[in-house]
PDB file of N, CA and C in Angstrom:
ATOM      1  N   MET A   1      -8.697  -1.362 -19.536  1.00  0.00           N
ATOM      2  CA  MET A   1     -10.263  -2.294 -19.068  1.00  0.00           C
ATOM      3  C   MET A   1      -9.668  -3.967 -18.890  1.00  0.00           C
ATOM      4  N   ALA A   2      -8.617  -4.852 -19.248  1.00  0.00           N
ATOM      5  CA  ALA A   2      -8.805  -5.739 -18.500  1.00  0.00           C
ATOM      6  C   ALA A   2      -9.136  -6.128 -17.293  1.00  0.00           C
ATOM      7  N   TRP A   3      -8.460  -4.886 -16.189  1.00  0.00           N
ATOM      8  CA  TRP A   3      -8.233  -5.361 -14.835  1.00  0.00           C
ATOM      9  C   TRP A   3      -9.854  -4.465 -14.368  1.00  0.00           C
ATOM     10  N   ARG A   4     -10.697  -4.162 -15.482  1.00  0.00           N
ATOM     11  CA  ARG A   4     -11.711  -3.274 -14.877  1.00  0.00           C
ATOM     12  C   ARG A   4     -12.766  -4.403 -15.134  1.00  0.00           C
ATOM     13  N   GLU A   5     -12.470  -5.350 -16.307  1.00  0.00           N
ATOM     14  CA  GLU A   5     -13.703  -6.305 -16.557  1.00  0.00           C
ATOM     15  C   GLU A   5     -12.853  -7.676 -14.957  1.00  0.00           C
ATOM     16  N   ALA A   6     -11.748  -7.831 -14.836  1.00  0.00           N
ATOM     17  CA  ALA A   6     -11.498  -8.761 -13.725  1.00  0.00           C
ATOM     18  C   ALA A   6     -12.142  -8.350 -12.720  1.00  0.00           C
ATOM     19  N   ALA A   7     -11.756  -7.292 -12.017  1.00  0.00           N
ATOM     20  CA  ALA A   7     -12.651  -6.642 -10.585  1.00  0.00           C
ATOM     21  C   ALA A   7     -14.167  -7.030 -11.187  1.00  0.00           C
ATOM     22  N   GLY A   8     -14.862  -6.124 -12.203  1.00  0.00           N
ATOM     23  CA  GLY A   8     -16.201  -7.042 -12.223  1.00  0.00           C
ATOM     24  C   GLY A   8     -16.506  -8.395 -12.126  1.00  0.00           C
ATOM     25  N   GLY A   9     -15.359  -9.784 -12.616  1.00  0.00           N
ATOM     26  CA  GLY A   9     -15.628 -10.782 -12.577  1.00  0.00           C
ATOM     27  C   GLY A   9     -16.189 -10.880 -10.670  1.00  0.00           C
ATOM     28  N   MET A  10     -14.145 -10.267 -10.295  1.00  0.00           N
ATOM     29  CA  MET A  10     -14.397 -10.822  -7.925  1.00  0.00           C
ATOM     30  C   MET A  10     -15.827 -10.226  -6.986  1.00  0.00           C
ATOM     31  N   ASN A  11     -16.220  -8.451  -8.394  1.00  0.00           N
ATOM     32  CA  ASN A  11     -17.536  -8.383  -7.715  1.00  0.00           C
ATOM     33  C   ASN A  11     -18.703  -9.216  -7.781  1.00  0.00           C
ATOM     34  N   ALA A  12     -18.793 -10.291  -8.830  1.00  0.00           N
ATOM     35  CA  ALA A  12     -19.995 -10.593  -8.594  1.00  0.00           C
ATOM     36  C   ALA A  12     -20.033 -12.399  -8.297  1.00  0.00           C
ATOM     37  N   THR A  13     -18.324 -12.579  -8.446  1.00  0.00           N
ATOM     38  CA  THR A  13     -18.152 -14.042  -6.697  1.00  0.00           C
ATOM     39  C   THR A  13     -18.877 -13.020  -6.118  1.00  0.00           C
ATOM     40  N   ILE A  14     -18.116 -11.579  -5.460  1.00  0.00           N
ATOM     41  CA  ILE A  14     -18.158 -11.147  -3.478  1.00  0.00           C
ATOM     42  C   ILE A  14     -19.843 -11.487  -4.164  1.00  0.00           C
ATOM     43  N   ASP A  15     -20.316 -11.028  -4.589  1.00  0.00           N
ATOM     44  CA  ASP A  15     -21.902 -10.914  -4.693  1.00  0.00           C
ATOM     45  C   ASP A  15     -22.824 -11.504  -4.539  1.00  0.00           C
ATOM     46  N   SER A  16     -22.284 -13.256  -5.193  1.00  0.00           N
ATOM     47  CA  SER A  16     -22.818 -14.183  -5.272  1.00  0.00           C
ATOM     48  C   SER A  16     -22.949 -14.869  -4.201  1.00  0.00           C
ATOM     49  N   LEU A  17     -21.599 -14.808  -3.386  1.00  0.00           N
ATOM     50  CA  LEU A  17     -21.283 -15.322  -1.982  1.00  0.00           C
ATOM     51  C   LEU A  17     -21.640 -14.095  -0.676  1.00  0.00           C
ATOM     52  N   PHE A  18     -21.502 -13.290  -0.658  1.00  0.00           N
ATOM     53  CA  PHE A  18     -21.882 -12.704   0.749  1.00  0.00           C
ATOM     54  C   PHE A  18     -22.903 -11.141   0.490  1.00  0.00           C
ATOM     55  N   ASP A  19     -23.197 -10.978  -1.112  1.00  0.00           N
ATOM     56  CA  ASP A  19     -23.975 -10.184  -1.333  1.00  0.00           C
ATOM     57  C   ASP A  19     -23.335  -8.807  -1.254  1.00  0.00           C
ATOM     58  N   GLU A  20     -23.181  -7.177  -1.589  1.00  0.00           N
ATOM     59  CA  GLU A  20     -22.856  -5.841  -1.038  1.00  0.00           C
ATOM     60  C   GLU A  20     -20.768  -6.248  -1.569  1.00  0.00           C
ATOM     61  N   HIS A  21     -20.712  -6.638  -2.769  1.00  0.00           N
ATOM     62  CA  HIS A  21     -19.204  -6.498  -2.460  1.00  0.00           C
ATOM     63  C   HIS A  21     -18.429  -5.047  -2.629  1.00  0.00           C
ATOM     64  N   ALA A  22     -19.795  -3.746  -2.700  1.00  0.00           N
ATOM     65  CA  ALA A  22     -18.818  -2.435  -2.454  1.00  0.00           C
ATOM     66  C   ALA A  22     -17.855  -2.480  -1.453  1.00  0.00           C
ATOM     67  N   ARG A  23     -19.009  -3.436   0.092  1.00  0.00           N
ATOM     68  CA  ARG A  23     -18.135  -3.234   1.395  1.00  0.00           C
ATOM     69  C   ARG A  23     -16.648  -3.945   1.562  1.00  0.00           C
ATOM     70  N   TYR A  24     -17.087  -5.202   0.652  1.00  0.00           N
ATOM     71  CA  TYR A  24     -15.871  -5.947   0.641  1.00  0.00           C
ATOM     72  C   TYR A  24     -15.030  -5.001  -0.045  1.00  0.00           C
ATOM     73  N   ARG A  25     -14.928  -4.590  -1.229  1.00  0.00           N
ATOM     74  CA  ARG A  25     -14.140  -3.774  -1.727  1.00  0.00           C
ATOM     75  C   ARG A  25     -13.390  -2.397  -0.919  1.00  0.00           C
ATOM     76  N   SER A  26     -14.486  -1.373  -0.697  1.00  0.00           N
ATOM     77  CA  SER A  26     -13.996  -0.922   0.238  1.00  0.00           C
ATOM     78  C   SER A  26     -13.255  -1.121   1.577  1.00  0.00           C
ATOM     79  N   PHE A  27     -13.572  -2.260   2.450  1.00  0.00           N
ATOM     80  CA  PHE A  27     -12.601  -2.709   3.502  1.00  0.00           C
ATOM     81  C   PHE A  27     -11.270  -3.614   2.722  1.00  0.00           C
ATOM     82  N   PHE A  28     -11.134  -3.956   1.819  1.00  0.00           N
ATOM     83  CA  PHE A  28      -9.704  -4.080   1.117  1.00  0.00           C
ATOM     84  C   PHE A  28      -9.045  -3.247   0.884  1.00  0.00           C
ATOM     85  N   ASP A  29      -9.666  -2.204   0.016  1.00  0.00           N
ATOM     86  CA  ASP A  29      -9.319  -0.779  -0.084  1.00  0.00           C
ATOM     87  C   ASP A  29      -8.635  -0.040   1.455  1.00  0.00           C
ATOM     88  N   ALA A  30      -8.891   0.012   2.560  1.00  0.00           N
ATOM     89  CA  ALA A  30      -8.813   1.087   3.695  1.00  0.00           C
ATOM     90  C   ALA A  30      -7.863  -0.009   4.197  1.00  0.00           C
ATOM     91  N   LEU A  31      -8.009  -1.791   4.142  1.00  0.00           N
ATOM     92  CA  LEU A  31      -6.826  -2.062   4.941  1.00  0.00           C
ATOM     93  C   LEU A  31      -5.394  -2.103   4.648  1.00  0.00           C
ATOM     94  N   LYS A  32      -5.171  -1.993   3.089  1.00  0.00           N
ATOM     95  CA  LYS A  32      -4.185  -2.552   2.318  1.00  0.00           C
ATOM     96  C   LYS A  32      -3.535  -0.244   2.382  1.00  0.00           C
ATOM     97  N   LYS A  33      -4.125   0.330   2.666  1.00  0.00           N
ATOM     98  CA  LYS A  33      -4.102   1.447   2.874  1.00  0.00           C
ATOM     99  C   LYS A  33      -3.804   1.830   4.688  1.00  0.00           C
ATOM    100  N   ALA A  34      -4.264   1.220   5.519  1.00  0.00           N
ATOM    101  CA  ALA A  34      -4.159   1.525   6.942  1.00  0.00           C
ATOM    102  C   ALA A  34      -2.163   0.693   6.882  1.00  0.00           C
ATOM    103  N   VAL A  35      -2.247  -0.325   6.811  1.00  0.00           N
ATOM    104  CA  VAL A  35      -1.323  -1.464   6.812  1.00  0.00           C
ATOM    105  C   VAL A  35       0.316  -0.953   5.856  1.00  0.00           C
ATOM    106  N   SER A  36      -0.071  -0.704   4.464  1.00  0.00           N
ATOM    107  CA  SER A  36       0.964   0.671   3.831  1.00  0.00           C
ATOM    108  C   SER A  36       1.216   1.521   4.966  1.00  0.00           C
ATOM    109  N   GLU A  37       0.589   2.831   5.518  1.00  0.00           N
ATOM    110  CA  GLU A  37       0.856   3.623   6.296  1.00  0.00           C
ATOM    111  C   GLU A  37       1.127   3.242   7.813  1.00  0.00           C
ATOM    112  N   GLY A  38       1.285   1.836   7.910  1.00  0.00           N
ATOM    113  CA  GLY A  38       1.514   1.520   9.946  1.00  0.00           C
ATOM    114  C   GLY A  38       0.870   2.109  11.133  1.00  0.00           C
ATOM    115  N   ASP A  39      -0.508   2.077  10.017  1.00  0.00           N
ATOM    116  CA  ASP A  39      -1.493   2.513  11.234  1.00  0.00           C
ATOM    117  C   ASP A  39      -2.602   1.702  12.084  1.00  0.00           C
ATOM    118  N   LYS A  40      -1.852   0.855  13.251  1.00  0.00           N
ATOM    119  CA  LYS A  40      -1.973   0.218  13.568  1.00  0.00           C
ATOM    120  C   LYS A  40      -3.575   0.131  14.275  1.00  0.00           C
ATOM    121  N   ALA A  41      -3.603   1.239  15.183  1.00  0.00           N
ATOM    122  CA  ALA A  41      -4.657   1.130  15.402  1.00  0.00           C
ATOM    123  C   ALA A  41      -6.298   1.218  14.517  1.00  0.00           C
ATOM    124  N   ALA A  42      -6.086   1.565  13.654  1.00  0.00           N
ATOM    125  CA  ALA A  42      -6.866   1.194  12.057  1.00  0.00           C
ATOM    126  C   ALA A  42      -7.227   0.058  11.707  1.00  0.00           C
ATOM    127  N   VAL A  43      -5.618  -0.415  11.440  1.00  0.00           N
ATOM    128  CA  VAL A  43      -5.958  -2.547  11.407  1.00  0.00           C
ATOM    129  C   VAL A  43      -6.908  -2.752  12.455  1.00  0.00           C
ATOM    130  N   ALA A  44      -6.267  -2.401  14.051  1.00  0.00           N
ATOM    131  CA  ALA A  44      -7.153  -3.421  15.022  1.00  0.00           C
ATOM    132  C   ALA A  44      -8.352  -3.230  14.867  1.00  0.00           C
ATOM    133  N   ALA A  45      -8.773  -1.955  14.454  1.00  0.00           N
ATOM    134  CA  ALA A  45     -10.390  -1.699  13.917  1.00  0.00           C
ATOM    135  C   ALA A  45     -10.879  -2.725  13.395  1.00  0.00           C
ATOM    136  N   MET A  46     -10.013  -3.048  12.542  1.00  0.00           N
ATOM    137  CA  MET A  46     -10.732  -4.225  11.400  1.00  0.00           C
ATOM    138  C   MET A  46     -10.488  -5.535  11.871  1.00  0.00           C
ATOM    139  N   VAL A  47     -10.474  -5.782  12.354  1.00  0.00           N
ATOM    140  CA  VAL A  47     -10.138  -7.063  13.232  1.00  0.00           C
ATOM    141  C   VAL A  47     -11.234  -7.711  13.943  1.00  0.00           C
ATOM    142  N   ASP A  48     -11.613  -9.100  13.685  1.00  0.00           N
ATOM    143  CA  ASP A  48     -12.508  -9.614  14.270  1.00  0.00           C
ATOM    144  C   ASP A  48     -12.048 -10.311  15.533  1.00  0.00           C
ATOM    145  N   TYR A  49     -11.977  -9.889  16.985  1.00  0.00           N
ATOM    146  CA  TYR A  49     -11.601 -10.754  17.830  1.00  0.00           C
ATOM    147  C   TYR A  49     -12.618 -11.479  18.739  1.00  0.00           C
ATOM    148  N   PRO A  50     -12.227 -12.669  19.344  1.00  0.00           N
ATOM    149  CA  PRO A  50     -10.733 -13.161  19.287  1.00  0.00           C
ATOM    150  C   PRO A  50     -10.427 -13.558  18.207  1.00  0.00           C
ATOM    151  N   PHE A  51      -9.131 -14.182  17.970  1.00  0.00           N
ATOM    152  CA  PHE A  51      -8.392 -14.668  16.959  1.00  0.00           C
ATOM    153  C   PHE A  51      -7.068 -15.652  17.258  1.00  0.00           C
ATOM    154  N   GLN A  52      -6.611 -16.398  16.486  1.00  0.00           N
ATOM    155  CA  GLN A  52      -5.552 -17.047  16.837  1.00  0.00           C
ATOM    156  C   GLN A  52      -4.173 -16.422  15.776  1.00  0.00           C
ATOM    157  N   ALA A  53      -3.352 -16.513  16.661  1.00  0.00           N
ATOM    158  CA  ALA A  53      -2.321 -16.174  15.973  1.00  0.00           C
ATOM    159  C   ALA A  53      -0.914 -17.085  15.697  1.00  0.00           C
ATOM    160  N   ARG A  54      -0.288 -17.131  15.298  1.00  0.00           N
ATOM    161  CA  ARG A  54       1.191 -17.715  15.576  1.00  0.00           C
ATOM    162  C   ARG A  54       2.706 -16.265  15.875  1.00  0.00           C
ATOM    163  N   ILE A  55       2.826 -16.365  16.685  1.00  0.00           N
ATOM    164  CA  ILE A  55       3.714 -15.388  17.758  1.00  0.00           C
ATOM    165  C   ILE A  55       5.124 -16.155  17.721  1.00  0.00           C
ATOM    166  N   ASP A  56       5.962 -16.038  17.428  1.00  0.00           N
ATOM    167  CA  ASP A  56       7.698 -16.640  18.611  1.00  0.00           C
ATOM    168  C   ASP A  56       7.311 -18.430  17.893  1.00  0.00           C
ATOM    169  N   GLY A  57       6.281 -18.808  17.448  1.00  0.00           N
ATOM    170  CA  GLY A  57       6.407 -19.995  17.320  1.00  0.00           C
ATOM    171  C   GLY A  57       5.696 -20.784  18.114  1.00  0.00           C
ATOM    172  N   LYS A  58       3.903 -19.977  18.556  1.00  0.00           N
ATOM    173  CA  LYS A  58       3.354 -20.167  19.283  1.00  0.00           C
ATOM    174  C   LYS A  58       2.054 -19.618  19.361  1.00  0.00           C
ATOM    175  N   SER A  59       1.222 -20.511  19.110  1.00  0.00           N
ATOM    176  CA  SER A  59      -0.002 -19.995  19.131  1.00  0.00           C
ATOM    177  C   SER A  59      -0.508 -19.035  20.742  1.00  0.00           C
ATOM    178  N   VAL A  60      -1.146 -17.840  19.755  1.00  0.00           N
ATOM    179  CA  VAL A  60      -1.765 -16.804  21.286  1.00  0.00           C
ATOM    180  C   VAL A  60      -2.956 -16.496  20.936  1.00  0.00           C
ATOM    181  N   LYS A  61      -3.820 -16.370  21.582  1.00  0.00           N
ATOM    182  CA  LYS A  61      -5.001 -15.517  21.335  1.00  0.00           C
ATOM    183  C   LYS A  61      -4.572 -14.245  21.678  1.00  0.00           C
ATOM    184  N   ILE A  62      -5.140 -13.742  20.297  1.00  0.00           N
ATOM    185  CA  ILE A  62      -5.635 -12.090  20.479  1.00  0.00           C
ATOM    186  C   ILE A  62      -6.857 -11.587  21.068  1.00  0.00           C
ATOM    187  N   GLY A  63      -7.064 -11.064  21.866  1.00  0.00           N
ATOM    188  CA  GLY A  63      -8.286 -10.982  22.376  1.00  0.00           C
ATOM    189  C   GLY A  63      -9.002 -10.025  22.308  1.00  0.00           C
ATOM    190  N   ASP A  64      -8.043  -8.439  22.526  1.00  0.00           N
ATOM    191  CA  ASP A  64      -8.743  -7.372  21.713  1.00  0.00           C
ATOM    192  C   ASP A  64      -7.961  -6.460  21.027  1.00  0.00           C
ATOM    193  N   ALA A  65      -8.157  -5.520  20.660  1.00  0.00           N
ATOM    194  CA  ALA A  65      -7.272  -3.996  19.374  1.00  0.00           C
ATOM    195  C   ALA A  65      -6.377  -4.241  20.720  1.00  0.00           C
ATOM    196  N   ALA A  66      -5.971  -4.087  22.052  1.00  0.00           N
ATOM    197  CA  ALA A  66      -5.138  -3.611  22.708  1.00  0.00           C
ATOM    198  C   ALA A  66      -3.739  -4.938  22.407  1.00  0.00           C
ATOM    199  N   HIS A  67      -4.300  -5.559  22.631  1.00  0.00           N
ATOM    200  CA  HIS A  67      -3.771  -6.746  22.668  1.00  0.00           C
ATOM    201  C   HIS A  67      -3.039  -6.574  21.337  1.00  0.00           C
ATOM    202  N   PHE A  68      -3.650  -6.605  20.178  1.00  0.00           N
ATOM    203  CA  PHE A  68      -3.234  -6.529  18.695  1.00  0.00           C
ATOM    204  C   PHE A  68      -2.224  -5.868  18.496  1.00  0.00           C
ATOM    205  N   VAL A  69      -2.377  -4.440  18.992  1.00  0.00           N
ATOM    206  CA  VAL A  69      -1.488  -3.306  18.092  1.00  0.00           C
ATOM    207  C   VAL A  69      -0.326  -3.210  19.482  1.00  0.00           C
ATOM    208  N   ALA A  70       0.080  -3.996  20.471  1.00  0.00           N
ATOM    209  CA  ALA A  70       0.350  -4.707  21.344  1.00  0.00           C
ATOM    210  C   ALA A  70       1.656  -5.674  20.257  1.00  0.00           C
ATOM    211  N   ASP A  71       1.603  -6.428  19.734  1.00  0.00           N
ATOM    212  CA  ASP A  71       1.935  -7.320  19.279  1.00  0.00           C
ATOM    213  C   ASP A  71       1.863  -6.838  17.703  1.00  0.00           C
ATOM    214  N   TYR A  72       1.502  -6.052  16.939  1.00  0.00           N
ATOM    215  CA  TYR A  72       1.110  -6.047  15.420  1.00  0.00           C
ATOM    216  C   TYR A  72       2.286  -6.451  14.988  1.00  0.00           C
ATOM    217  N   ASP A  73       3.341  -5.583  15.074  1.00  0.00           N
ATOM    218  CA  ASP A  73       4.623  -5.940  14.049  1.00  0.00           C
ATOM    219  C   ASP A  73       4.964  -8.132  14.113  1.00  0.00           C
ATOM    220  N   LYS A  74       4.497  -8.613  15.246  1.00  0.00           N
ATOM    221  CA  LYS A  74       5.011  -9.977  15.103  1.00  0.00           C
ATOM    222  C   LYS A  74       3.527 -10.768  14.530  1.00  0.00           C
ATOM    223  N   VAL A  75       2.117  -9.717  14.574  1.00  0.00           N
ATOM    224  CA  VAL A  75       0.928 -10.412  13.358  1.00  0.00           C
ATOM    225  C   VAL A  75       1.302 -10.079  12.232  1.00  0.00           C
ATOM    226  N   VAL A  76       1.372  -8.191  11.873  1.00  0.00           N
ATOM    227  CA  VAL A  76       1.504  -8.229  10.368  1.00  0.00           C
ATOM    228  C   VAL A  76       3.079  -7.773  10.130  1.00  0.00           C
ATOM    229  N   THR A  77       3.630  -9.196   9.953  1.00  0.00           N
ATOM    230  CA  THR A  77       4.855  -9.457  10.022  1.00  0.00           C
ATOM    231  C   THR A  77       5.206  -9.202   7.784  1.00  0.00           C
ATOM    232  N   ALA A  78       6.446  -8.406   7.923  1.00  0.00           N
ATOM    233  CA  ALA A  78       7.194  -7.928   6.763  1.00  0.00           C
ATOM    234  C   ALA A  78       6.278  -9.069   5.753  1.00  0.00           C
ATOM    235  N   LYS A  79       5.970 -10.695   5.313  1.00  0.00           N
ATOM    236  CA  LYS A  79       5.326 -11.388   4.779  1.00  0.00           C
ATOM    237  C   LYS A  79       4.242 -10.792   4.294  1.00  0.00           C
ATOM    238  N   VAL A  80       3.731 -10.632   5.495  1.00  0.00           N
ATOM    239  CA  VAL A  80       2.081  -9.998   5.168  1.00  0.00           C
ATOM    240  C   VAL A  80       1.611  -9.370   4.657  1.00  0.00           C
ATOM    241  N   LYS A  81       2.902  -8.422   5.335  1.00  0.00           N
ATOM    242  CA  LYS A  81       2.799  -6.857   4.522  1.00  0.00           C
ATOM    243  C   LYS A  81       2.790  -7.012   2.665  1.00  0.00           C
ATOM    244  N   SER A  82       4.175  -8.171   2.244  1.00  0.00           N
ATOM    245  CA  SER A  82       3.992  -8.115   1.058  1.00  0.00           C
ATOM    246  C   SER A  82       3.151  -8.521   0.436  1.00  0.00           C
ATOM    247  N   ALA A  83       2.501  -9.839   1.201  1.00  0.00           N
ATOM    248  CA  ALA A  83       1.612 -10.177   0.309  1.00  0.00           C
ATOM    249  C   ALA A  83       0.766  -9.242  -0.028  1.00  0.00           C
ATOM    250  N   LEU A  84       0.226  -8.516   1.172  1.00  0.00           N
ATOM    251  CA  LEU A  84      -0.949  -7.211   0.964  1.00  0.00           C
ATOM    252  C   LEU A  84      -0.210  -6.385  -0.356  1.00  0.00           C
ATOM    253  N   HIS A  85       0.794  -5.937  -0.195  1.00  0.00           N
ATOM    254  CA  HIS A  85       0.828  -4.919  -0.980  1.00  0.00           C
ATOM    255  C   HIS A  85       0.541  -5.422  -2.490  1.00  0.00           C
ATOM    256  N   ALA A  86       1.438  -6.771  -2.644  1.00  0.00           N
ATOM    257  CA  ALA A  86       1.160  -7.308  -3.988  1.00  0.00           C
ATOM    258  C   ALA A  86      -0.457  -8.225  -4.725  1.00  0.00           C
ATOM    259  N   GLN A  87      -1.428  -7.767  -3.425  1.00  0.00           N
ATOM    260  CA  GLN A  87      -2.311  -9.123  -3.485  1.00  0.00           C
ATOM    261  C   GLN A  87      -3.222  -6.999  -4.800  1.00  0.00           C
ATOM    262  N   GLY A  88      -3.993  -7.630  -5.181  1.00  0.00           N
ATOM    263  CA  GLY A  88      -4.913  -6.655  -6.101  1.00  0.00           C
ATOM    264  C   GLY A  88      -6.335  -7.822  -5.797  1.00  0.00           C
ATOM    265  N   TYR A  89      -7.391  -6.556  -5.861  1.00  0.00           N
ATOM    266  CA  TYR A  89      -9.059  -6.409  -5.601  1.00  0.00           C
ATOM    267  C   TYR A  89      -9.464  -7.708  -6.619  1.00  0.00           C
ATOM    268  N   GLU A  90      -8.634  -7.704  -7.776  1.00  0.00           N
ATOM    269  CA  GLU A  90      -9.238  -8.351  -8.917  1.00  0.00           C
ATOM    270  C   GLU A  90      -8.989  -9.572  -8.918  1.00  0.00           C
ATOM    271  N   SER A  91      -8.036 -10.042  -8.081  1.00  0.00           N
ATOM    272  CA  SER A  91      -7.066 -11.684  -7.515  1.00  0.00           C
ATOM    273  C   SER A  91      -7.587 -12.175  -6.618  1.00  0.00           C
ATOM    274  N   LEU A  92      -8.296 -11.409  -5.972  1.00  0.00           N
ATOM    275  CA  LEU A  92      -8.775 -12.203  -4.474  1.00  0.00           C
ATOM    276  C   LEU A  92      -9.366 -13.830  -4.541  1.00  0.00           C
ATOM    277  N   PHE A  93      -8.718 -14.349  -3.445  1.00  0.00           N
ATOM    278  CA  PHE A  93      -9.814 -15.789  -4.150  1.00  0.00           C
ATOM    279  C   PHE A  93     -10.391 -15.146  -2.842  1.00  0.00           C
ATOM    280  N   ALA A  94     -11.848 -16.167  -2.967  1.00  0.00           N
ATOM    281  CA  ALA A  94     -13.128 -15.446  -2.271  1.00  0.00           C
ATOM    282  C   ALA A  94     -14.091 -17.044  -2.303  1.00  0.00           C
ATOM    283  N   ASN A  95     -14.321 -17.804  -1.250  1.00  0.00           N
ATOM    284  CA  ASN A  95     -15.434 -18.816  -1.197  1.00  0.00           C
ATOM    285  C   ASN A  95     -16.342 -18.940  -0.718  1.00  0.00           C
ATOM    286  N   TRP A  96     -17.070 -19.930  -0.213  1.00  0.00           N
ATOM    287  CA  TRP A  96     -18.107 -19.787   1.427  1.00  0.00           C
ATOM    288  C   TRP A  96     -17.504 -19.172   2.207  1.00  0.00           C
ATOM    289  N   GLN A  97     -16.512 -19.474   2.161  1.00  0.00           N
ATOM    290  CA  GLN A  97     -16.016 -19.505   3.997  1.00  0.00           C
ATOM    291  C   GLN A  97     -14.892 -18.287   4.341  1.00  0.00           C
ATOM    292  N   GLY A  98     -14.899 -17.265   2.934  1.00  0.00           N
ATOM    293  CA  GLY A  98     -14.547 -15.725   3.614  1.00  0.00           C
ATOM    294  C   GLY A  98     -13.709 -15.448   2.028  1.00  0.00           C
ATOM    295  N   VAL A  99     -12.422 -14.269   1.671  1.00  0.00           N
ATOM    296  CA  VAL A  99     -12.055 -13.996   1.222  1.00  0.00           C
ATOM    297  C   VAL A  99     -10.540 -14.038   1.789  1.00  0.00           C
ATOM    298  N   MET A 100      -9.503 -14.274   0.957  1.00  0.00           N
ATOM    299  CA  MET A 100      -8.164 -14.588   1.271  1.00  0.00           C
ATOM    300  C   MET A 100      -7.721 -13.806   0.316  1.00  0.00           C
ATOM    301  N   VAL A 101      -5.985 -13.391   1.061  1.00  0.00           N
ATOM    302  CA  VAL A 101      -4.940 -12.097   0.746  1.00  0.00           C
ATOM    303  C   VAL A 101      -3.679 -13.911   0.262  1.00  0.00           C
ATOM    304  N   GLY A 102      -3.037 -13.282  -0.942  1.00  0.00           N
ATOM    305  CA  GLY A 102      -1.688 -14.315  -1.083  1.00  0.00           C
ATOM    306  C   GLY A 102      -1.999 -15.937  -1.093  1.00  0.00           C
ATOM    307  N   ASP A 103      -1.546 -16.369  -0.363  1.00  0.00           N
ATOM    308  CA  ASP A 103      -1.849 -17.989   0.127  1.00  0.00           C
ATOM    309  C   ASP A 103      -1.757 -18.248   1.921  1.00  0.00           C
ATOM    310  N   GLY A 104      -3.209 -17.545   1.999  1.00  0.00           N
ATOM    311  CA  GLY A 104      -4.014 -16.902   3.237  1.00  0.00           C
ATOM    312  C   GLY A 104      -3.391 -16.378   4.586  1.00  0.00           C
TER     313      GLY A 104
END
């Protein structure tokens, strides 16, 4: 029951910020599943390109899905996987800038 109430609170937060919490819940669940299964192509399809990543101490522009898949293990590190695995939908952080997993 408490989990359901917490998820309802996150639903209300996301609805107030972005509308349609169901899309965000579905995305979050699909992302967790794809990362846990090591489905690099599925994760790559969920990414908004281009974006900056820190790889080997350098800022790298990831321009497309092929580049993301090639550097997947350098972007989706053990730390990222652990944070995503530990994160529950109900305890996501959300504000006008977006939704965050873990500590960013």
